[in-house]
Amino acid sequence: MGEAQGAARTGGIVGLVNGSGNEISNCFNVGKVSSTGTSFLTNGGIVGSLDSGSININNCYNIAVFSQGHGSNRIGGIVGKHTGGTLTMNKCYYLKQDDTKTAIGGKEDDINQVTGCNAISEITATILNDNINNIEHTDEWQSWKLGEEGYPVFE
């Protein structure tokens, strides 16, 4: 467990996505994500901001704690801000907390038809593995097991 800290667009795995053909698979974030700037702050458990281009996020989860400075704050369980480009999520999960209300910061999950991502109250290896087996995919998605620190890790 560590900390991802940035001035504005901060993500637990990637800060800013602008290019096409990007993919993040088989990842998790259990640390702290924080922005220290004073404006246009976005924090995402996996990606800080998708401004243009495209990204597929597959088989990932986030249980990060978020912290921000002052300004236009958006916090998303998976993506902090999505203002342009194509975002596809498959079997992604985030721990629903007081500061993490939606998969994409500033967008309501139900209203904006966020698919492939779920907020759950507990993330376990069993839940993650059951869902890997229930979706058709062509790439190699890793299986999960319970790690020594109490959260799921890869086998």
N, C-alpha and C. Protein backbone atom coordinates (compact mmCIF):
# COMPACT_ATOMS: atom_id res chain seq x y z
N MET A 1 0.85 -1.17 0.00
CA MET A 1 0.00 0.00 0.00
C MET A 1 0.89 1.23 0.00
N GLY A 2 0.61 2.09 -0.94
CA GLY A 2 1.38 3.31 -1.06
C GLY A 2 0.46 4.47 -1.31
N GLU A 3 1.02 5.53 -1.87
CA GLU A 3 0.23 6.71 -2.15
C GLU A 3 0.56 7.23 -3.54
N ALA A 4 -0.49 7.54 -4.31
CA ALA A 4 -0.34 8.23 -5.60
C ALA A 4 -0.74 9.67 -5.35
N GLN A 5 0.19 10.59 -5.56
CA GLN A 5 -0.09 12.00 -5.29
C GLN A 5 0.28 12.83 -6.50
N GLY A 6 -0.60 13.76 -6.87
CA GLY A 6 -0.35 14.63 -8.00
C GLY A 6 -0.95 16.00 -7.78
N ALA A 7 -0.64 16.92 -8.67
CA ALA A 7 -1.15 18.28 -8.55
C ALA A 7 -2.59 18.40 -9.01
N ALA A 8 -3.00 17.64 -10.02
CA ALA A 8 -4.35 17.82 -10.56
C ALA A 8 -5.02 16.50 -10.91
N ARG A 9 -4.57 15.81 -11.93
CA ARG A 9 -5.21 14.58 -12.41
C ARG A 9 -4.44 13.39 -11.86
N THR A 10 -4.97 12.81 -10.81
CA THR A 10 -4.25 11.75 -10.13
C THR A 10 -5.04 10.45 -10.18
N GLY A 11 -4.37 9.37 -10.56
CA GLY A 11 -4.98 8.05 -10.58
C GLY A 11 -4.12 7.06 -9.82
N GLY A 12 -4.75 6.04 -9.28
CA GLY A 12 -4.02 5.02 -8.55
C GLY A 12 -3.06 4.24 -9.42
N ILE A 13 -3.36 4.12 -10.73
CA ILE A 13 -2.50 3.42 -11.67
C ILE A 13 -1.95 4.38 -12.72
N VAL A 14 -2.83 5.20 -13.34
CA VAL A 14 -2.45 6.14 -14.40
C VAL A 14 -3.07 7.49 -14.11
N GLY A 15 -2.34 8.57 -14.34
CA GLY A 15 -2.87 9.91 -14.11
C GLY A 15 -3.77 10.41 -15.22
N LEU A 16 -3.23 10.52 -16.45
CA LEU A 16 -3.95 11.12 -17.57
C LEU A 16 -3.86 10.24 -18.80
N VAL A 17 -5.00 10.02 -19.47
CA VAL A 17 -5.04 9.27 -20.73
C VAL A 17 -5.49 10.22 -21.83
N ASN A 18 -4.67 10.31 -22.89
CA ASN A 18 -5.02 11.13 -24.05
C ASN A 18 -4.93 10.36 -25.36
N GLY A 19 -4.12 9.31 -25.43
CA GLY A 19 -3.90 8.58 -26.68
C GLY A 19 -4.92 7.48 -26.92
N SER A 20 -4.87 6.89 -28.09
CA SER A 20 -5.80 5.82 -28.47
C SER A 20 -5.19 4.44 -28.23
N GLY A 21 -6.06 3.45 -28.09
CA GLY A 21 -5.63 2.06 -27.98
C GLY A 21 -5.03 1.68 -26.65
N ASN A 22 -5.34 2.37 -25.60
CA ASN A 22 -4.79 2.06 -24.28
C ASN A 22 -5.59 0.97 -23.59
N GLU A 23 -4.91 0.16 -22.79
CA GLU A 23 -5.58 -0.90 -22.04
C GLU A 23 -4.89 -1.08 -20.68
N ILE A 24 -5.72 -1.21 -19.67
CA ILE A 24 -5.25 -1.55 -18.34
C ILE A 24 -6.01 -2.80 -17.93
N SER A 25 -5.30 -3.87 -17.64
CA SER A 25 -5.93 -5.13 -17.24
C SER A 25 -5.22 -5.69 -16.03
N ASN A 26 -5.99 -6.46 -15.23
CA ASN A 26 -5.43 -7.19 -14.10
C ASN A 26 -4.68 -6.26 -13.14
N CYS A 27 -5.38 -5.29 -12.59
CA CYS A 27 -4.72 -4.39 -11.65
C CYS A 27 -5.63 -4.11 -10.46
N PHE A 28 -5.03 -3.61 -9.40
CA PHE A 28 -5.80 -3.16 -8.25
C PHE A 28 -5.06 -2.05 -7.55
N ASN A 29 -5.82 -1.23 -6.84
CA ASN A 29 -5.26 -0.13 -6.07
C ASN A 29 -5.83 -0.19 -4.66
N VAL A 30 -4.96 -0.26 -3.68
CA VAL A 30 -5.41 -0.31 -2.28
C VAL A 30 -4.81 0.82 -1.47
N GLY A 31 -4.08 1.73 -2.12
CA GLY A 31 -3.40 2.81 -1.39
C GLY A 31 -4.25 4.05 -1.29
N LYS A 32 -3.59 5.19 -1.14
CA LYS A 32 -4.24 6.49 -1.04
C LYS A 32 -4.00 7.24 -2.34
N VAL A 33 -5.03 7.95 -2.83
CA VAL A 33 -4.92 8.77 -4.02
C VAL A 33 -5.23 10.20 -3.60
N SER A 34 -4.30 11.14 -3.88
CA SER A 34 -4.54 12.52 -3.44
C SER A 34 -4.06 13.52 -4.47
N SER A 35 -4.76 14.65 -4.52
CA SER A 35 -4.39 15.79 -5.35
C SER A 35 -4.10 16.96 -4.44
N THR A 36 -3.01 17.66 -4.72
CA THR A 36 -2.58 18.74 -3.84
C THR A 36 -2.78 20.11 -4.45
N GLY A 37 -3.23 20.18 -5.69
CA GLY A 37 -3.40 21.46 -6.37
C GLY A 37 -4.56 22.25 -5.82
N THR A 38 -4.89 23.35 -6.52
CA THR A 38 -5.97 24.22 -6.05
C THR A 38 -7.13 24.32 -7.03
N SER A 39 -7.01 23.73 -8.23
CA SER A 39 -8.14 23.78 -9.17
C SER A 39 -8.10 22.59 -10.13
N PHE A 40 -9.25 22.28 -10.69
CA PHE A 40 -9.43 21.21 -11.67
C PHE A 40 -8.91 19.86 -11.17
N LEU A 41 -9.21 19.55 -9.93
CA LEU A 41 -8.71 18.33 -9.32
C LEU A 41 -9.60 17.15 -9.67
N THR A 42 -8.98 16.05 -10.08
CA THR A 42 -9.70 14.81 -10.32
C THR A 42 -8.88 13.66 -9.76
N ASN A 43 -9.55 12.79 -9.05
CA ASN A 43 -8.92 11.59 -8.50
C ASN A 43 -9.70 10.38 -8.96
N GLY A 44 -8.99 9.38 -9.48
CA GLY A 44 -9.61 8.12 -9.85
C GLY A 44 -8.86 6.96 -9.24
N GLY A 45 -9.58 5.95 -8.84
CA GLY A 45 -8.95 4.79 -8.25
C GLY A 45 -7.99 4.09 -9.19
N ILE A 46 -8.29 4.09 -10.49
CA ILE A 46 -7.42 3.48 -11.49
C ILE A 46 -6.85 4.57 -12.41
N VAL A 47 -7.70 5.41 -13.01
CA VAL A 47 -7.28 6.47 -13.93
C VAL A 47 -7.75 7.82 -13.41
N GLY A 48 -6.86 8.81 -13.41
CA GLY A 48 -7.22 10.15 -12.95
C GLY A 48 -8.16 10.85 -13.90
N SER A 49 -7.83 10.87 -15.20
CA SER A 49 -8.64 11.60 -16.17
C SER A 49 -8.48 11.01 -17.57
N LEU A 50 -9.60 10.84 -18.27
CA LEU A 50 -9.62 10.47 -19.69
C LEU A 50 -10.14 11.69 -20.43
N ASP A 51 -9.25 12.41 -21.12
CA ASP A 51 -9.63 13.63 -21.82
C ASP A 51 -9.88 13.39 -23.30
N SER A 52 -9.16 12.44 -23.90
CA SER A 52 -9.37 12.10 -25.30
C SER A 52 -8.75 10.73 -25.54
N GLY A 53 -8.97 10.18 -26.73
CA GLY A 53 -8.42 8.87 -27.04
C GLY A 53 -9.34 7.77 -26.56
N SER A 54 -8.74 6.62 -26.21
CA SER A 54 -9.56 5.49 -25.77
C SER A 54 -8.79 4.64 -24.78
N ILE A 55 -9.57 3.98 -23.90
CA ILE A 55 -8.97 3.06 -22.94
C ILE A 55 -9.97 1.98 -22.59
N ASN A 56 -9.48 0.75 -22.48
CA ASN A 56 -10.24 -0.38 -21.95
C ASN A 56 -9.65 -0.69 -20.58
N ILE A 57 -10.51 -0.79 -19.58
CA ILE A 57 -10.08 -1.15 -18.23
C ILE A 57 -10.76 -2.46 -17.88
N ASN A 58 -9.95 -3.52 -17.64
CA ASN A 58 -10.47 -4.88 -17.47
C ASN A 58 -9.97 -5.51 -16.19
N ASN A 59 -10.88 -6.19 -15.47
CA ASN A 59 -10.52 -7.02 -14.33
C ASN A 59 -9.70 -6.26 -13.30
N CYS A 60 -10.21 -5.10 -12.90
CA CYS A 60 -9.51 -4.24 -11.94
C CYS A 60 -10.43 -3.88 -10.77
N TYR A 61 -9.83 -3.58 -9.63
CA TYR A 61 -10.62 -3.06 -8.52
C TYR A 61 -9.86 -1.99 -7.77
N ASN A 62 -10.61 -1.18 -7.03
CA ASN A 62 -10.04 -0.08 -6.27
C ASN A 62 -10.71 -0.02 -4.89
N ILE A 63 -9.89 0.06 -3.86
CA ILE A 63 -10.40 0.31 -2.50
C ILE A 63 -9.64 1.47 -1.86
N ALA A 64 -9.13 2.38 -2.70
CA ALA A 64 -8.31 3.50 -2.22
C ALA A 64 -9.10 4.47 -1.35
N VAL A 65 -8.35 5.16 -0.52
CA VAL A 65 -8.85 6.30 0.24
C VAL A 65 -8.47 7.53 -0.58
N PHE A 66 -9.37 8.52 -0.69
CA PHE A 66 -9.12 9.71 -1.50
C PHE A 66 -8.96 10.94 -0.63
N SER A 67 -8.12 11.86 -1.10
CA SER A 67 -7.89 13.13 -0.43
C SER A 67 -7.60 14.17 -1.49
N GLN A 68 -8.22 15.36 -1.38
CA GLN A 68 -8.02 16.41 -2.37
C GLN A 68 -7.82 17.75 -1.72
N GLY A 69 -7.15 18.65 -2.48
CA GLY A 69 -7.02 20.04 -2.07
C GLY A 69 -8.33 20.77 -2.35
N HIS A 70 -8.24 22.02 -2.78
CA HIS A 70 -9.43 22.83 -3.04
C HIS A 70 -9.55 23.10 -4.52
N GLY A 71 -10.76 23.12 -5.04
CA GLY A 71 -10.99 23.39 -6.46
C GLY A 71 -12.12 22.56 -7.00
N SER A 72 -12.14 22.37 -8.31
CA SER A 72 -13.19 21.58 -8.97
C SER A 72 -12.90 20.11 -8.72
N ASN A 73 -13.50 19.55 -7.70
CA ASN A 73 -13.17 18.19 -7.27
C ASN A 73 -14.11 17.15 -7.87
N ARG A 74 -13.50 16.13 -8.46
CA ARG A 74 -14.24 14.97 -8.93
C ARG A 74 -13.50 13.74 -8.44
N ILE A 75 -14.25 12.83 -7.87
CA ILE A 75 -13.68 11.57 -7.40
C ILE A 75 -14.48 10.44 -8.01
N GLY A 76 -13.78 9.49 -8.62
CA GLY A 76 -14.44 8.34 -9.20
C GLY A 76 -13.78 7.06 -8.72
N GLY A 77 -14.58 6.07 -8.42
CA GLY A 77 -14.05 4.79 -7.95
C GLY A 77 -13.08 4.17 -8.93
N ILE A 78 -13.29 4.36 -10.24
CA ILE A 78 -12.40 3.84 -11.28
C ILE A 78 -11.74 4.99 -12.05
N VAL A 79 -12.52 5.95 -12.54
CA VAL A 79 -12.00 7.07 -13.33
C VAL A 79 -12.44 8.38 -12.68
N GLY A 80 -11.49 9.29 -12.46
CA GLY A 80 -11.82 10.57 -11.82
C GLY A 80 -12.65 11.48 -12.70
N LYS A 81 -12.29 11.57 -13.99
CA LYS A 81 -12.99 12.46 -14.91
C LYS A 81 -12.97 11.86 -16.30
N HIS A 82 -14.11 11.92 -17.00
CA HIS A 82 -14.21 11.44 -18.39
C HIS A 82 -14.90 12.54 -19.19
N THR A 83 -14.11 13.35 -19.88
CA THR A 83 -14.68 14.46 -20.65
C THR A 83 -14.63 14.22 -22.15
N GLY A 84 -13.88 13.24 -22.59
CA GLY A 84 -13.79 12.95 -24.02
C GLY A 84 -13.17 11.59 -24.23
N GLY A 85 -13.30 11.09 -25.43
CA GLY A 85 -12.72 9.79 -25.74
C GLY A 85 -13.66 8.65 -25.40
N THR A 86 -13.17 7.43 -25.61
CA THR A 86 -13.97 6.23 -25.42
C THR A 86 -13.47 5.45 -24.22
N LEU A 87 -14.36 5.19 -23.29
CA LEU A 87 -14.05 4.45 -22.08
C LEU A 87 -14.85 3.16 -22.06
N THR A 88 -14.15 2.03 -21.94
CA THR A 88 -14.81 0.73 -21.82
C THR A 88 -14.30 0.07 -20.55
N MET A 89 -15.23 -0.40 -19.71
CA MET A 89 -14.86 -1.10 -18.48
C MET A 89 -15.49 -2.48 -18.48
N ASN A 90 -14.70 -3.48 -18.11
CA ASN A 90 -15.19 -4.86 -18.00
C ASN A 90 -14.76 -5.42 -16.66
N LYS A 91 -15.71 -5.84 -15.87
CA LYS A 91 -15.46 -6.49 -14.58
C LYS A 91 -14.54 -5.65 -13.70
N CYS A 92 -14.94 -4.41 -13.50
CA CYS A 92 -14.23 -3.51 -12.60
C CYS A 92 -15.11 -3.25 -11.38
N TYR A 93 -14.46 -3.08 -10.25
CA TYR A 93 -15.19 -2.89 -8.99
C TYR A 93 -14.51 -1.81 -8.17
N TYR A 94 -15.33 -1.10 -7.41
CA TYR A 94 -14.78 -0.14 -6.46
C TYR A 94 -15.58 -0.24 -5.18
N LEU A 95 -14.91 0.03 -4.10
CA LEU A 95 -15.53 -0.01 -2.78
C LEU A 95 -16.32 1.27 -2.60
N LYS A 96 -17.62 1.13 -2.40
CA LYS A 96 -18.47 2.31 -2.25
C LYS A 96 -18.24 2.89 -0.86
N GLN A 97 -17.74 4.13 -0.83
CA GLN A 97 -17.45 4.84 0.40
C GLN A 97 -18.09 6.22 0.33
N ASP A 98 -17.99 6.99 1.39
CA ASP A 98 -18.58 8.33 1.41
C ASP A 98 -18.05 9.21 0.29
N ASP A 99 -16.74 9.15 0.01
CA ASP A 99 -16.17 10.01 -1.02
C ASP A 99 -16.12 9.35 -2.40
N THR A 100 -16.50 8.09 -2.49
CA THR A 100 -16.48 7.36 -3.76
C THR A 100 -17.90 6.89 -4.06
N LYS A 101 -18.67 7.76 -4.67
CA LYS A 101 -20.08 7.46 -4.89
C LYS A 101 -20.37 6.90 -6.28
N THR A 102 -19.48 7.11 -7.24
CA THR A 102 -19.71 6.66 -8.60
C THR A 102 -18.44 6.09 -9.23
N ALA A 103 -18.60 5.33 -10.30
CA ALA A 103 -17.44 4.76 -11.02
C ALA A 103 -16.64 5.86 -11.70
N ILE A 104 -17.33 6.87 -12.24
CA ILE A 104 -16.69 7.99 -12.93
C ILE A 104 -17.06 9.26 -12.18
N GLY A 105 -16.06 10.01 -11.76
CA GLY A 105 -16.30 11.24 -11.00
C GLY A 105 -17.24 12.20 -11.70
N GLY A 106 -18.22 12.71 -10.97
CA GLY A 106 -19.15 13.68 -11.51
C GLY A 106 -20.27 13.09 -12.34
N LYS A 107 -20.33 11.77 -12.48
CA LYS A 107 -21.40 11.13 -13.25
C LYS A 107 -22.07 10.08 -12.40
N GLU A 108 -23.37 10.06 -12.44
CA GLU A 108 -24.12 9.06 -11.68
C GLU A 108 -24.13 7.75 -12.45
N ASP A 109 -23.83 6.66 -11.75
CA ASP A 109 -23.74 5.35 -12.40
C ASP A 109 -25.01 4.99 -13.17
N ASP A 110 -26.16 5.13 -12.57
CA ASP A 110 -27.40 4.72 -13.22
C ASP A 110 -27.81 5.64 -14.36
N ILE A 111 -27.67 6.93 -14.17
CA ILE A 111 -28.11 7.91 -15.16
C ILE A 111 -27.25 7.87 -16.42
N ASN A 112 -25.94 7.72 -16.27
CA ASN A 112 -25.03 7.78 -17.41
C ASN A 112 -24.73 6.42 -18.01
N GLN A 113 -25.47 5.43 -17.62
CA GLN A 113 -25.34 4.09 -18.19
C GLN A 113 -23.91 3.56 -18.12
N VAL A 114 -23.29 3.73 -16.95
CA VAL A 114 -21.96 3.16 -16.72
C VAL A 114 -22.13 1.65 -16.66
N THR A 115 -21.44 0.94 -17.53
CA THR A 115 -21.54 -0.52 -17.55
C THR A 115 -20.17 -1.13 -17.32
N GLY A 116 -20.17 -2.37 -16.91
CA GLY A 116 -18.92 -3.09 -16.70
C GLY A 116 -18.22 -2.75 -15.41
N CYS A 117 -18.89 -1.97 -14.55
CA CYS A 117 -18.27 -1.54 -13.30
C CYS A 117 -19.33 -1.52 -12.22
N ASN A 118 -18.98 -2.01 -11.04
CA ASN A 118 -19.95 -2.08 -9.95
C ASN A 118 -19.38 -1.57 -8.65
N ALA A 119 -20.21 -0.88 -7.90
CA ALA A 119 -19.86 -0.48 -6.54
C ALA A 119 -20.35 -1.59 -5.62
N ILE A 120 -19.49 -2.06 -4.76
CA ILE A 120 -19.88 -3.10 -3.81
C ILE A 120 -19.34 -2.74 -2.43
N SER A 121 -19.96 -3.31 -1.42
CA SER A 121 -19.59 -2.98 -0.04
C SER A 121 -18.41 -3.80 0.46
N GLU A 122 -18.09 -4.89 -0.24
CA GLU A 122 -16.96 -5.72 0.15
C GLU A 122 -16.38 -6.35 -1.11
N ILE A 123 -15.07 -6.33 -1.24
CA ILE A 123 -14.41 -6.92 -2.40
C ILE A 123 -13.64 -8.14 -1.92
N THR A 124 -14.01 -9.29 -2.47
CA THR A 124 -13.35 -10.55 -2.08
C THR A 124 -12.83 -11.25 -3.32
N ALA A 125 -11.88 -12.15 -3.13
CA ALA A 125 -11.34 -12.94 -4.24
C ALA A 125 -12.43 -13.78 -4.88
N THR A 126 -13.35 -14.30 -4.09
CA THR A 126 -14.44 -15.12 -4.62
C THR A 126 -15.31 -14.32 -5.57
N ILE A 127 -15.69 -13.12 -5.19
CA ILE A 127 -16.51 -12.26 -6.05
C ILE A 127 -15.78 -11.96 -7.35
N LEU A 128 -14.51 -11.60 -7.26
CA LEU A 128 -13.74 -11.26 -8.45
C LEU A 128 -13.60 -12.46 -9.39
N ASN A 129 -13.28 -13.64 -8.86
CA ASN A 129 -13.12 -14.82 -9.69
C ASN A 129 -14.42 -15.29 -10.32
N ASP A 130 -15.51 -15.25 -9.56
CA ASP A 130 -16.80 -15.64 -10.12
C ASP A 130 -17.16 -14.79 -11.32
N ASN A 131 -16.86 -13.51 -11.25
CA ASN A 131 -17.22 -12.62 -12.34
C ASN A 131 -16.30 -12.74 -13.54
N ILE A 132 -15.05 -13.13 -13.35
CA ILE A 132 -14.16 -13.37 -14.49
C ILE A 132 -14.71 -14.50 -15.34
N ASN A 133 -15.20 -15.54 -14.68
CA ASN A 133 -15.70 -16.71 -15.39
C ASN A 133 -17.03 -16.48 -16.08
N ASN A 134 -17.72 -15.39 -15.75
CA ASN A 134 -19.05 -15.12 -16.31
C ASN A 134 -19.04 -14.13 -17.46
N ILE A 135 -17.88 -13.82 -18.00
CA ILE A 135 -17.82 -12.89 -19.13
C ILE A 135 -16.90 -13.47 -20.20
N GLU A 136 -17.28 -13.28 -21.44
CA GLU A 136 -16.44 -13.74 -22.54
C GLU A 136 -15.34 -12.72 -22.78
N HIS A 137 -14.10 -13.19 -22.82
CA HIS A 137 -12.98 -12.31 -23.10
C HIS A 137 -11.90 -13.10 -23.82
N THR A 138 -11.12 -12.40 -24.63
CA THR A 138 -10.11 -13.08 -25.43
C THR A 138 -8.72 -12.97 -24.85
N ASP A 139 -8.48 -12.01 -23.98
CA ASP A 139 -7.16 -11.86 -23.41
C ASP A 139 -7.04 -12.62 -22.09
N GLU A 140 -5.86 -12.70 -21.56
CA GLU A 140 -5.59 -13.46 -20.34
C GLU A 140 -5.91 -12.61 -19.11
N TRP A 141 -6.96 -12.95 -18.41
CA TRP A 141 -7.29 -12.27 -17.16
C TRP A 141 -6.85 -13.17 -16.03
N GLN A 142 -6.11 -12.61 -15.11
CA GLN A 142 -5.58 -13.40 -14.01
C GLN A 142 -6.64 -13.68 -12.96
N SER A 143 -6.42 -14.77 -12.21
CA SER A 143 -7.30 -15.14 -11.11
C SER A 143 -6.81 -14.49 -9.82
N TRP A 144 -7.73 -14.39 -8.85
CA TRP A 144 -7.45 -13.72 -7.59
C TRP A 144 -7.38 -14.72 -6.44
N LYS A 145 -6.66 -14.34 -5.39
CA LYS A 145 -6.64 -15.08 -4.14
C LYS A 145 -6.58 -14.06 -3.01
N LEU A 146 -6.85 -14.49 -1.79
CA LEU A 146 -6.78 -13.61 -0.65
C LEU A 146 -5.32 -13.40 -0.28
N GLY A 147 -4.90 -12.15 -0.22
CA GLY A 147 -3.52 -11.82 0.12
C GLY A 147 -3.30 -11.78 1.63
N GLU A 148 -2.05 -11.73 2.02
CA GLU A 148 -1.68 -11.73 3.44
C GLU A 148 -2.20 -10.52 4.19
N GLU A 149 -2.40 -9.39 3.50
CA GLU A 149 -2.87 -8.19 4.16
C GLU A 149 -4.39 -8.07 4.16
N GLY A 150 -5.08 -9.11 3.67
CA GLY A 150 -6.53 -9.15 3.77
C GLY A 150 -7.31 -8.70 2.55
N TYR A 151 -6.65 -8.29 1.48
CA TYR A 151 -7.35 -7.90 0.27
C TYR A 151 -6.93 -8.82 -0.87
N PRO A 152 -7.74 -8.92 -1.94
CA PRO A 152 -7.42 -9.83 -3.03
C PRO A 152 -6.16 -9.40 -3.79
N VAL A 153 -5.34 -10.39 -4.17
CA VAL A 153 -4.15 -10.20 -4.99
C VAL A 153 -4.17 -11.27 -6.07
N PHE A 154 -3.28 -11.20 -7.03
CA PHE A 154 -3.26 -12.20 -8.09
C PHE A 154 -2.60 -13.48 -7.65
N GLU A 155 -3.13 -14.60 -8.18
CA GLU A 155 -2.53 -15.91 -7.88
C GLU A 155 -1.21 -16.06 -8.58
